[in-house]
Amino acid sequence: MALQTGLMAGLTVQSSTLDGVGKFLDTATTDGSTYAYQTRGEPTLTMTAEALLCRQYLGWMHDDPRLRGGVDLLLRNLINYDEQDLYYWYYATQVMHHMGGDY
């Protein structure tokens, strides 16, 4: 989020830094659609939502099957007020916003 905010503010972010973000995300997933907090961890909805937003910022297209698979998972897990997870709600909402359209 900080790197994207910097880019949006006109700051220079080295491409090698952004490449490093993508490489880390590659280690936190086995399928590109679900993500864990760290390498070889169990995927969670919260980390999946955050990672998918990062992937969107890194340039994944809306029709990327990995992104679509993750978004479909988020759509099956809408906001549940009985199990409050504001971190998940925030990132999942951002992902849907960036998907646009019916999302």
PDB file of N, CA and C in Angstrom:
ATOM      1  N   MET A   1       0.832  -1.188   0.000  1.00  0.00           N
ATOM      2  CA  MET A   1       0.000   0.000   0.000  1.00  0.00           C
ATOM      3  C   MET A   1       0.876   1.250   0.000  1.00  0.00           C
ATOM      4  N   ALA A   2       1.943   1.230   0.776  1.00  0.00           N
ATOM      5  CA  ALA A   2       2.817   2.392   0.837  1.00  0.00           C
ATOM      6  C   ALA A   2       3.479   2.650  -0.512  1.00  0.00           C
ATOM      7  N   LEU A   3       3.913   1.599  -1.187  1.00  0.00           N
ATOM      8  CA  LEU A   3       4.541   1.775  -2.492  1.00  0.00           C
ATOM      9  C   LEU A   3       3.549   2.321  -3.516  1.00  0.00           C
ATOM     10  N   GLN A   4       2.346   1.791  -3.524  1.00  0.00           N
ATOM     11  CA  GLN A   4       1.327   2.272  -4.449  1.00  0.00           C
ATOM     12  C   GLN A   4       0.963   3.723  -4.151  1.00  0.00           C
ATOM     13  N   THR A   5       0.844   4.057  -2.884  1.00  0.00           N
ATOM     14  CA  THR A   5       0.544   5.438  -2.512  1.00  0.00           C
ATOM     15  C   THR A   5       1.658   6.367  -2.982  1.00  0.00           C
ATOM     16  N   GLY A   6       2.900   5.922  -2.826  1.00  0.00           N
ATOM     17  CA  GLY A   6       4.036   6.706  -3.317  1.00  0.00           C
ATOM     18  C   GLY A   6       3.971   6.915  -4.817  1.00  0.00           C
ATOM     19  N   LEU A   7       3.681   5.857  -5.554  1.00  0.00           N
ATOM     20  CA  LEU A   7       3.556   5.977  -7.010  1.00  0.00           C
ATOM     21  C   LEU A   7       2.445   6.960  -7.382  1.00  0.00           C
ATOM     22  N   MET A   8       1.310   6.852  -6.693  1.00  0.00           N
ATOM     23  CA  MET A   8       0.186   7.732  -6.977  1.00  0.00           C
ATOM     24  C   MET A   8       0.521   9.189  -6.653  1.00  0.00           C
ATOM     25  N   ALA A   9       1.448   9.385  -5.719  1.00  0.00           N
ATOM     26  CA  ALA A   9       1.855  10.738  -5.339  1.00  0.00           C
ATOM     27  C   ALA A   9       2.974  11.269  -6.233  1.00  0.00           C
ATOM     28  N   GLY A  10       3.404  10.442  -7.201  1.00  0.00           N
ATOM     29  CA  GLY A  10       4.443  10.884  -8.123  1.00  0.00           C
ATOM     30  C   GLY A  10       5.856  10.577  -7.675  1.00  0.00           C
ATOM     31  N   LEU A  11       6.003   9.800  -6.606  1.00  0.00           N
ATOM     32  CA  LEU A  11       7.335   9.427  -6.154  1.00  0.00           C
ATOM     33  C   LEU A  11       7.889   8.299  -7.020  1.00  0.00           C
ATOM     34  N   THR A  12       9.207   8.182  -7.035  1.00  0.00           N
ATOM     35  CA  THR A  12       9.853   7.116  -7.779  1.00  0.00           C
ATOM     36  C   THR A  12       9.966   5.884  -6.904  1.00  0.00           C
ATOM     37  N   VAL A  13       9.495   4.771  -7.411  1.00  0.00           N
ATOM     38  CA  VAL A  13       9.661   3.482  -6.740  1.00  0.00           C
ATOM     39  C   VAL A  13      10.403   2.594  -7.720  1.00  0.00           C
ATOM     40  N   GLN A  14      11.537   2.093  -7.313  1.00  0.00           N
ATOM     41  CA  GLN A  14      12.364   1.294  -8.211  1.00  0.00           C
ATOM     42  C   GLN A  14      11.626   0.026  -8.625  1.00  0.00           C
ATOM     43  N   SER A  15      11.748  -0.317  -9.892  1.00  0.00           N
ATOM     44  CA  SER A  15      11.068  -1.514 -10.391  1.00  0.00           C
ATOM     45  C   SER A  15      11.575  -2.767  -9.690  1.00  0.00           C
ATOM     46  N   SER A  16      12.827  -2.766  -9.255  1.00  0.00           N
ATOM     47  CA  SER A  16      13.345  -3.940  -8.544  1.00  0.00           C
ATOM     48  C   SER A  16      12.615  -4.138  -7.214  1.00  0.00           C
ATOM     49  N   THR A  17      12.164  -3.056  -6.600  1.00  0.00           N
ATOM     50  CA  THR A  17      11.398  -3.156  -5.363  1.00  0.00           C
ATOM     51  C   THR A  17      10.044  -3.794  -5.646  1.00  0.00           C
ATOM     52  N   LEU A  18       9.385  -3.347  -6.700  1.00  0.00           N
ATOM     53  CA  LEU A  18       8.093  -3.915  -7.068  1.00  0.00           C
ATOM     54  C   LEU A  18       8.246  -5.372  -7.495  1.00  0.00           C
ATOM     55  N   ASP A  19       9.343  -5.689  -8.187  1.00  0.00           N
ATOM     56  CA  ASP A  19       9.609  -7.085  -8.552  1.00  0.00           C
ATOM     57  C   ASP A  19       9.761  -7.942  -7.304  1.00  0.00           C
ATOM     58  N   GLY A  20      10.397  -7.379  -6.269  1.00  0.00           N
ATOM     59  CA  GLY A  20      10.570  -8.107  -5.015  1.00  0.00           C
ATOM     60  C   GLY A  20       9.249  -8.403  -4.334  1.00  0.00           C
ATOM     61  N   VAL A  21       8.313  -7.476  -4.425  1.00  0.00           N
ATOM     62  CA  VAL A  21       6.980  -7.703  -3.862  1.00  0.00           C
ATOM     63  C   VAL A  21       6.332  -8.887  -4.566  1.00  0.00           C
ATOM     64  N   GLY A  22       6.394  -8.891  -5.892  1.00  0.00           N
ATOM     65  CA  GLY A  22       5.820  -9.994  -6.657  1.00  0.00           C
ATOM     66  C   GLY A  22       6.480 -11.328  -6.330  1.00  0.00           C
ATOM     67  N   LYS A  23       7.789 -11.312  -6.165  1.00  0.00           N
ATOM     68  CA  LYS A  23       8.501 -12.551  -5.827  1.00  0.00           C
ATOM     69  C   LYS A  23       8.101 -13.065  -4.450  1.00  0.00           C
ATOM     70  N   PHE A  24       7.927 -12.149  -3.491  1.00  0.00           N
ATOM     71  CA  PHE A  24       7.475 -12.595  -2.181  1.00  0.00           C
ATOM     72  C   PHE A  24       6.082 -13.199  -2.277  1.00  0.00           C
ATOM     73  N   LEU A  25       5.182 -12.521  -2.983  1.00  0.00           N
ATOM     74  CA  LEU A  25       3.827 -13.045  -3.122  1.00  0.00           C
ATOM     75  C   LEU A  25       3.841 -14.434  -3.753  1.00  0.00           C
ATOM     76  N   ASP A  26       4.760 -14.652  -4.675  1.00  0.00           N
ATOM     77  CA  ASP A  26       4.891 -15.985  -5.286  1.00  0.00           C
ATOM     78  C   ASP A  26       5.212 -17.048  -4.244  1.00  0.00           C
ATOM     79  N   THR A  27       5.924 -16.680  -3.190  1.00  0.00           N
ATOM     80  CA  THR A  27       6.285 -17.663  -2.155  1.00  0.00           C
ATOM     81  C   THR A  27       5.155 -17.914  -1.167  1.00  0.00           C
ATOM     82  N   ALA A  28       4.167 -17.010  -1.151  1.00  0.00           N
ATOM     83  CA  ALA A  28       3.065 -17.118  -0.181  1.00  0.00           C
ATOM     84  C   ALA A  28       1.816 -17.747  -0.790  1.00  0.00           C
ATOM     85  N   THR A  29       1.948 -18.298  -1.998  1.00  0.00           N
ATOM     86  CA  THR A  29       0.814 -18.919  -2.667  1.00  0.00           C
ATOM     87  C   THR A  29       1.250 -20.217  -3.328  1.00  0.00           C
ATOM     88  N   THR A  30       0.295 -21.098  -3.514  1.00  0.00           N
ATOM     89  CA  THR A  30       0.592 -22.311  -4.283  1.00  0.00           C
ATOM     90  C   THR A  30      -0.156 -22.311  -5.610  1.00  0.00           C
ATOM     91  N   ASP A  31      -1.180 -21.454  -5.713  1.00  0.00           N
ATOM     92  CA  ASP A  31      -2.001 -21.456  -6.925  1.00  0.00           C
ATOM     93  C   ASP A  31      -2.217 -20.074  -7.527  1.00  0.00           C
ATOM     94  N   GLY A  32      -1.714 -19.031  -6.888  1.00  0.00           N
ATOM     95  CA  GLY A  32      -1.892 -17.679  -7.388  1.00  0.00           C
ATOM     96  C   GLY A  32      -3.226 -17.059  -7.030  1.00  0.00           C
ATOM     97  N   SER A  33      -4.123 -17.839  -6.465  1.00  0.00           N
ATOM     98  CA  SER A  33      -5.460 -17.340  -6.128  1.00  0.00           C
ATOM     99  C   SER A  33      -5.673 -17.173  -4.631  1.00  0.00           C
ATOM    100  N   THR A  34      -4.973 -17.944  -3.817  1.00  0.00           N
ATOM    101  CA  THR A  34      -5.089 -17.858  -2.362  1.00  0.00           C
ATOM    102  C   THR A  34      -3.703 -17.640  -1.770  1.00  0.00           C
ATOM    103  N   TYR A  35      -3.657 -16.926  -0.636  1.00  0.00           N
ATOM    104  CA  TYR A  35      -2.365 -16.504  -0.082  1.00  0.00           C
ATOM    105  C   TYR A  35      -2.306 -16.697   1.424  1.00  0.00           C
ATOM    106  N   ALA A  36      -1.098 -16.965   1.880  1.00  0.00           N
ATOM    107  CA  ALA A  36      -0.809 -17.095   3.306  1.00  0.00           C
ATOM    108  C   ALA A  36      -0.041 -15.857   3.772  1.00  0.00           C
ATOM    109  N   TYR A  37       0.100 -15.734   5.079  1.00  0.00           N
ATOM    110  CA  TYR A  37       0.839 -14.618   5.661  1.00  0.00           C
ATOM    111  C   TYR A  37       2.322 -14.717   5.342  1.00  0.00           C
ATOM    112  N   GLN A  38       2.818 -15.948   5.279  1.00  0.00           N
ATOM    113  CA  GLN A  38       4.233 -16.155   4.978  1.00  0.00           C
ATOM    114  C   GLN A  38       4.415 -17.438   4.181  1.00  0.00           C
ATOM    115  N   THR A  39       5.617 -17.626   3.707  1.00  0.00           N
ATOM    116  CA  THR A  39       5.942 -18.782   2.885  1.00  0.00           C
ATOM    117  C   THR A  39       5.530 -20.079   3.567  1.00  0.00           C
ATOM    118  N   ARG A  40       4.902 -20.950   2.788  1.00  0.00           N
ATOM    119  CA  ARG A  40       4.464 -22.277   3.226  1.00  0.00           C
ATOM    120  C   ARG A  40       3.407 -22.245   4.330  1.00  0.00           C
ATOM    121  N   GLY A  41       2.779 -21.113   4.529  1.00  0.00           N
ATOM    122  CA  GLY A  41       1.707 -21.021   5.517  1.00  0.00           C
ATOM    123  C   GLY A  41       0.378 -21.430   4.906  1.00  0.00           C
ATOM    124  N   GLU A  42      -0.623 -21.509   5.753  1.00  0.00           N
ATOM    125  CA  GLU A  42      -1.975 -21.826   5.304  1.00  0.00           C
ATOM    126  C   GLU A  42      -2.650 -20.569   4.760  1.00  0.00           C
ATOM    127  N   PRO A  43      -3.240 -20.639   3.597  1.00  0.00           N
ATOM    128  CA  PRO A  43      -3.938 -19.464   3.053  1.00  0.00           C
ATOM    129  C   PRO A  43      -5.094 -19.045   3.959  1.00  0.00           C
ATOM    130  N   THR A  44      -5.318 -17.745   4.025  1.00  0.00           N
ATOM    131  CA  THR A  44      -6.445 -17.186   4.766  1.00  0.00           C
ATOM    132  C   THR A  44      -7.180 -16.202   3.858  1.00  0.00           C
ATOM    133  N   LEU A  45      -8.423 -15.934   4.184  1.00  0.00           N
ATOM    134  CA  LEU A  45      -9.187 -14.962   3.408  1.00  0.00           C
ATOM    135  C   LEU A  45      -8.552 -13.576   3.482  1.00  0.00           C
ATOM    136  N   THR A  46      -8.125 -13.202   4.668  1.00  0.00           N
ATOM    137  CA  THR A  46      -7.554 -11.874   4.852  1.00  0.00           C
ATOM    138  C   THR A  46      -6.301 -11.683   4.025  1.00  0.00           C
ATOM    139  N   MET A  47      -5.380 -12.632   4.090  1.00  0.00           N
ATOM    140  CA  MET A  47      -4.143 -12.491   3.336  1.00  0.00           C
ATOM    141  C   MET A  47      -4.394 -12.627   1.834  1.00  0.00           C
ATOM    142  N   THR A  48      -5.386 -13.427   1.466  1.00  0.00           N
ATOM    143  CA  THR A  48      -5.742 -13.533   0.056  1.00  0.00           C
ATOM    144  C   THR A  48      -6.233 -12.192  -0.464  1.00  0.00           C
ATOM    145  N   ALA A  49      -7.101 -11.537   0.281  1.00  0.00           N
ATOM    146  CA  ALA A  49      -7.616 -10.231  -0.143  1.00  0.00           C
ATOM    147  C   ALA A  49      -6.486  -9.219  -0.274  1.00  0.00           C
ATOM    148  N   GLU A  50      -5.607  -9.178   0.702  1.00  0.00           N
ATOM    149  CA  GLU A  50      -4.496  -8.217   0.639  1.00  0.00           C
ATOM    150  C   GLU A  50      -3.584  -8.514  -0.541  1.00  0.00           C
ATOM    151  N   ALA A  51      -3.238  -9.773  -0.724  1.00  0.00           N
ATOM    152  CA  ALA A  51      -2.330 -10.140  -1.813  1.00  0.00           C
ATOM    153  C   ALA A  51      -2.949  -9.876  -3.181  1.00  0.00           C
ATOM    154  N   LEU A  52      -4.236 -10.134  -3.328  1.00  0.00           N
ATOM    155  CA  LEU A  52      -4.889  -9.867  -4.612  1.00  0.00           C
ATOM    156  C   LEU A  52      -4.884  -8.376  -4.931  1.00  0.00           C
ATOM    157  N   LEU A  53      -5.050  -7.538  -3.914  1.00  0.00           N
ATOM    158  CA  LEU A  53      -4.964  -6.099  -4.145  1.00  0.00           C
ATOM    159  C   LEU A  53      -3.546  -5.734  -4.595  1.00  0.00           C
ATOM    160  N   CYS A  54      -2.557  -6.310  -3.953  1.00  0.00           N
ATOM    161  CA  CYS A  54      -1.171  -6.069  -4.371  1.00  0.00           C
ATOM    162  C   CYS A  54      -0.962  -6.517  -5.813  1.00  0.00           C
ATOM    163  N   ARG A  55      -1.499  -7.667  -6.164  1.00  0.00           N
ATOM    164  CA  ARG A  55      -1.371  -8.158  -7.542  1.00  0.00           C
ATOM    165  C   ARG A  55      -2.033  -7.191  -8.520  1.00  0.00           C
ATOM    166  N   GLN A  56      -3.171  -6.639  -8.142  1.00  0.00           N
ATOM    167  CA  GLN A  56      -3.814  -5.648  -9.005  1.00  0.00           C
ATOM    168  C   GLN A  56      -2.907  -4.437  -9.180  1.00  0.00           C
ATOM    169  N   TYR A  57      -2.325  -3.969  -8.089  1.00  0.00           N
ATOM    170  CA  TYR A  57      -1.418  -2.824  -8.170  1.00  0.00           C
ATOM    171  C   TYR A  57      -0.179  -3.142  -8.999  1.00  0.00           C
ATOM    172  N   LEU A  58       0.234  -4.408  -8.985  1.00  0.00           N
ATOM    173  CA  LEU A  58       1.410  -4.813  -9.754  1.00  0.00           C
ATOM    174  C   LEU A  58       1.092  -5.071 -11.224  1.00  0.00           C
ATOM    175  N   GLY A  59      -0.189  -4.952 -11.589  1.00  0.00           N
ATOM    176  CA  GLY A  59      -0.522  -5.008 -12.996  1.00  0.00           C
ATOM    177  C   GLY A  59      -1.272  -6.217 -13.500  1.00  0.00           C
ATOM    178  N   TRP A  60      -1.719  -7.100 -12.590  1.00  0.00           N
ATOM    179  CA  TRP A  60      -2.513  -8.227 -13.071  1.00  0.00           C
ATOM    180  C   TRP A  60      -3.786  -7.700 -13.724  1.00  0.00           C
ATOM    181  N   MET A  61      -4.115  -8.232 -14.874  1.00  0.00           N
ATOM    182  CA  MET A  61      -5.314  -7.842 -15.597  1.00  0.00           C
ATOM    183  C   MET A  61      -6.558  -8.488 -14.975  1.00  0.00           C
ATOM    184  N   HIS A  62      -7.691  -7.861 -15.145  1.00  0.00           N
ATOM    185  CA  HIS A  62      -8.946  -8.355 -14.552  1.00  0.00           C
ATOM    186  C   HIS A  62      -9.327  -9.749 -15.021  1.00  0.00           C
ATOM    187  N   ASP A  63      -8.860 -10.132 -16.191  1.00  0.00           N
ATOM    188  CA  ASP A  63      -9.227 -11.449 -16.710  1.00  0.00           C
ATOM    189  C   ASP A  63      -8.199 -12.532 -16.380  1.00  0.00           C
ATOM    190  N   ASP A  64      -7.198 -12.203 -15.565  1.00  0.00           N
ATOM    191  CA  ASP A  64      -6.204 -13.204 -15.161  1.00  0.00           C
ATOM    192  C   ASP A  64      -6.925 -14.296 -14.370  1.00  0.00           C
ATOM    193  N   PRO A  65      -6.793 -15.569 -14.780  1.00  0.00           N
ATOM    194  CA  PRO A  65      -7.534 -16.636 -14.096  1.00  0.00           C
ATOM    195  C   PRO A  65      -7.176 -16.778 -12.614  1.00  0.00           C
ATOM    196  N   ARG A  66      -5.956 -16.447 -12.246  1.00  0.00           N
ATOM    197  CA  ARG A  66      -5.576 -16.519 -10.824  1.00  0.00           C
ATOM    198  C   ARG A  66      -6.313 -15.456 -10.030  1.00  0.00           C
ATOM    199  N   LEU A  67      -6.367 -14.251 -10.582  1.00  0.00           N
ATOM    200  CA  LEU A  67      -7.091 -13.174  -9.919  1.00  0.00           C
ATOM    201  C   LEU A  67      -8.577 -13.508  -9.848  1.00  0.00           C
ATOM    202  N   ARG A  68      -9.131 -13.988 -10.932  1.00  0.00           N
ATOM    203  CA  ARG A  68     -10.555 -14.362 -10.956  1.00  0.00           C
ATOM    204  C   ARG A  68     -10.867 -15.445  -9.925  1.00  0.00           C
ATOM    205  N   GLY A  69      -9.970 -16.427  -9.804  1.00  0.00           N
ATOM    206  CA  GLY A  69     -10.174 -17.485  -8.814  1.00  0.00           C
ATOM    207  C   GLY A  69     -10.207 -16.934  -7.403  1.00  0.00           C
ATOM    208  N   GLY A  70      -9.287 -16.015  -7.102  1.00  0.00           N
ATOM    209  CA  GLY A  70      -9.273 -15.396  -5.775  1.00  0.00           C
ATOM    210  C   GLY A  70     -10.485 -14.529  -5.531  1.00  0.00           C
ATOM    211  N   VAL A  71     -10.884 -13.771  -6.537  1.00  0.00           N
ATOM    212  CA  VAL A  71     -12.059 -12.910  -6.408  1.00  0.00           C
ATOM    213  C   VAL A  71     -13.311 -13.755  -6.192  1.00  0.00           C
ATOM    214  N   ASP A  72     -13.407 -14.869  -6.904  1.00  0.00           N
ATOM    215  CA  ASP A  72     -14.555 -15.760  -6.697  1.00  0.00           C
ATOM    216  C   ASP A  72     -14.604 -16.253  -5.253  1.00  0.00           C
ATOM    217  N   LEU A  73     -13.436 -16.563  -4.674  1.00  0.00           N
ATOM    218  CA  LEU A  73     -13.385 -16.974  -3.272  1.00  0.00           C
ATOM    219  C   LEU A  73     -13.885 -15.853  -2.362  1.00  0.00           C
ATOM    220  N   LEU A  74     -13.446 -14.627  -2.629  1.00  0.00           N
ATOM    221  CA  LEU A  74     -13.901 -13.493  -1.819  1.00  0.00           C
ATOM    222  C   LEU A  74     -15.403 -13.311  -1.942  1.00  0.00           C
ATOM    223  N   LEU A  75     -15.938 -13.493  -3.143  1.00  0.00           N
ATOM    224  CA  LEU A  75     -17.379 -13.347  -3.345  1.00  0.00           C
ATOM    225  C   LEU A  75     -18.187 -14.398  -2.585  1.00  0.00           C
ATOM    226  N   ARG A  76     -17.574 -15.545  -2.347  1.00  0.00           N
ATOM    227  CA  ARG A  76     -18.248 -16.589  -1.567  1.00  0.00           C
ATOM    228  C   ARG A  76     -18.124 -16.330  -0.068  1.00  0.00           C
ATOM    229  N   ASN A  77     -17.381 -15.295   0.301  1.00  0.00           N
ATOM    230  CA  ASN A  77     -17.147 -14.973   1.716  1.00  0.00           C
ATOM    231  C   ASN A  77     -17.371 -13.483   1.950  1.00  0.00           C
ATOM    232  N   LEU A  78     -18.606 -13.082   1.787  1.00  0.00           N
ATOM    233  CA  LEU A  78     -18.965 -11.682   1.950  1.00  0.00           C
ATOM    234  C   LEU A  78     -18.905 -11.280   3.420  1.00  0.00           C
ATOM    235  N   ILE A  79     -19.064  -9.994   3.655  1.00  0.00           N
ATOM    236  CA  ILE A  79     -19.014  -9.465   5.017  1.00  0.00           C
ATOM    237  C   ILE A  79     -19.990 -10.215   5.920  1.00  0.00           C
ATOM    238  N   ASN A  80     -19.473 -10.634   7.051  1.00  0.00           N
ATOM    239  CA  ASN A  80     -20.264 -11.348   8.052  1.00  0.00           C
ATOM    240  C   ASN A  80     -20.108 -10.589   9.368  1.00  0.00           C
ATOM    241  N   TYR A  81     -21.163  -9.924   9.770  1.00  0.00           N
ATOM    242  CA  TYR A  81     -21.080  -9.087  10.972  1.00  0.00           C
ATOM    243  C   TYR A  81     -20.929  -9.898  12.257  1.00  0.00           C
ATOM    244  N   ASP A  82     -21.201 -11.192  12.199  1.00  0.00           N
ATOM    245  CA  ASP A  82     -21.009 -12.036  13.376  1.00  0.00           C
ATOM    246  C   ASP A  82     -19.547 -12.406  13.574  1.00  0.00           C
ATOM    247  N   GLU A  83     -18.764 -12.333  12.512  1.00  0.00           N
ATOM    248  CA  GLU A  83     -17.323 -12.627  12.574  1.00  0.00           C
ATOM    249  C   GLU A  83     -16.578 -11.420  12.028  1.00  0.00           C
ATOM    250  N   GLN A  84     -16.414 -10.420  12.855  1.00  0.00           N
ATOM    251  CA  GLN A  84     -15.839  -9.159  12.393  1.00  0.00           C
ATOM    252  C   GLN A  84     -14.355  -9.279  12.106  1.00  0.00           C
ATOM    253  N   ASP A  85     -13.995  -8.897  10.897  1.00  0.00           N
ATOM    254  CA  ASP A  85     -12.598  -8.881  10.460  1.00  0.00           C
ATOM    255  C   ASP A  85     -12.428  -7.660   9.560  1.00  0.00           C
ATOM    256  N   LEU A  86     -12.227  -6.510  10.166  1.00  0.00           N
ATOM    257  CA  LEU A  86     -12.166  -5.261   9.428  1.00  0.00           C
ATOM    258  C   LEU A  86     -11.027  -5.247   8.421  1.00  0.00           C
ATOM    259  N   TYR A  87      -9.932  -5.909   8.748  1.00  0.00           N
ATOM    260  CA  TYR A  87      -8.788  -5.990   7.840  1.00  0.00           C
ATOM    261  C   TYR A  87      -9.217  -6.698   6.561  1.00  0.00           C
ATOM    262  N   TYR A  88      -9.898  -7.819   6.673  1.00  0.00           N
ATOM    263  CA  TYR A  88     -10.407  -8.542   5.504  1.00  0.00           C
ATOM    264  C   TYR A  88     -11.419  -7.683   4.755  1.00  0.00           C
ATOM    265  N   TRP A  89     -12.339  -7.099   5.476  1.00  0.00           N
ATOM    266  CA  TRP A  89     -13.375  -6.303   4.822  1.00  0.00           C
ATOM    267  C   TRP A  89     -12.759  -5.180   3.990  1.00  0.00           C
ATOM    268  N   TYR A  90     -11.755  -4.514   4.558  1.00  0.00           N
ATOM    269  CA  TYR A  90     -11.113  -3.397   3.861  1.00  0.00           C
ATOM    270  C   TYR A  90     -10.469  -3.870   2.564  1.00  0.00           C
ATOM    271  N   TYR A  91      -9.617  -4.882   2.649  1.00  0.00           N
ATOM    272  CA  TYR A  91      -8.885  -5.321   1.456  1.00  0.00           C
ATOM    273  C   TYR A  91      -9.794  -5.996   0.435  1.00  0.00           C
ATOM    274  N   ALA A  92     -10.753  -6.780   0.887  1.00  0.00           N
ATOM    275  CA  ALA A  92     -11.687  -7.412  -0.053  1.00  0.00           C
ATOM    276  C   ALA A  92     -12.503  -6.349  -0.782  1.00  0.00           C
ATOM    277  N   THR A  93     -12.915  -5.314  -0.071  1.00  0.00           N
ATOM    278  CA  THR A  93     -13.659  -4.228  -0.693  1.00  0.00           C
ATOM    279  C   THR A  93     -12.802  -3.497  -1.722  1.00  0.00           C
ATOM    280  N   GLN A  94     -11.542  -3.274  -1.398  1.00  0.00           N
ATOM    281  CA  GLN A  94     -10.638  -2.623  -2.359  1.00  0.00           C
ATOM    282  C   GLN A  94     -10.457  -3.461  -3.621  1.00  0.00           C
ATOM    283  N   VAL A  95     -10.294  -4.774  -3.442  1.00  0.00           N
ATOM    284  CA  VAL A  95     -10.160  -5.672  -4.599  1.00  0.00           C
ATOM    285  C   VAL A  95     -11.387  -5.557  -5.489  1.00  0.00           C
ATOM    286  N   MET A  96     -12.563  -5.625  -4.889  1.00  0.00           N
ATOM    287  CA  MET A  96     -13.799  -5.544  -5.665  1.00  0.00           C
ATOM    288  C   MET A  96     -13.932  -4.188  -6.360  1.00  0.00           C
ATOM    289  N   HIS A  97     -13.557  -3.133  -5.653  1.00  0.00           N
ATOM    290  CA  HIS A  97     -13.603  -1.792  -6.252  1.00  0.00           C
ATOM    291  C   HIS A  97     -12.738  -1.752  -7.506  1.00  0.00           C
ATOM    292  N   HIS A  98     -11.550  -2.298  -7.437  1.00  0.00           N
ATOM    293  CA  HIS A  98     -10.628  -2.259  -8.570  1.00  0.00           C
ATOM    294  C   HIS A  98     -11.057  -3.223  -9.687  1.00  0.00           C
ATOM    295  N   MET A  99     -11.822  -4.243  -9.351  1.00  0.00           N
ATOM    296  CA  MET A  99     -12.357  -5.116 -10.388  1.00  0.00           C
ATOM    297  C   MET A  99     -13.419  -4.371 -11.202  1.00  0.00           C
ATOM    298  N   GLY A 100     -14.156  -3.491 -10.536  1.00  0.00           N
ATOM    299  CA  GLY A 100     -15.165  -2.694 -11.221  1.00  0.00           C
ATOM    300  C   GLY A 100     -16.399  -3.491 -11.598  1.00  0.00           C
ATOM    301  N   GLY A 101     -17.237  -2.894 -12.401  1.00  0.00           N
ATOM    302  CA  GLY A 101     -18.444  -3.554 -12.900  1.00  0.00           C
ATOM    303  C   GLY A 101     -19.335  -4.067 -11.790  1.00  0.00           C
ATOM    304  N   ASP A 102     -19.820  -5.283 -11.959  1.00  0.00           N
ATOM    305  CA  ASP A 102     -20.733  -5.891 -10.987  1.00  0.00           C
ATOM    306  C   ASP A 102     -20.072  -6.224  -9.662  1.00  0.00           C
ATOM    307  N   TYR A 103     -18.745  -6.252  -9.625  1.00  0.00           N
ATOM    308  CA  TYR A 103     -18.072  -6.590  -8.375  1.00  0.00           C
ATOM    309  C   TYR A 103     -18.281  -5.502  -7.347  1.00  0.00           C
TER     310      TYR A 103
END
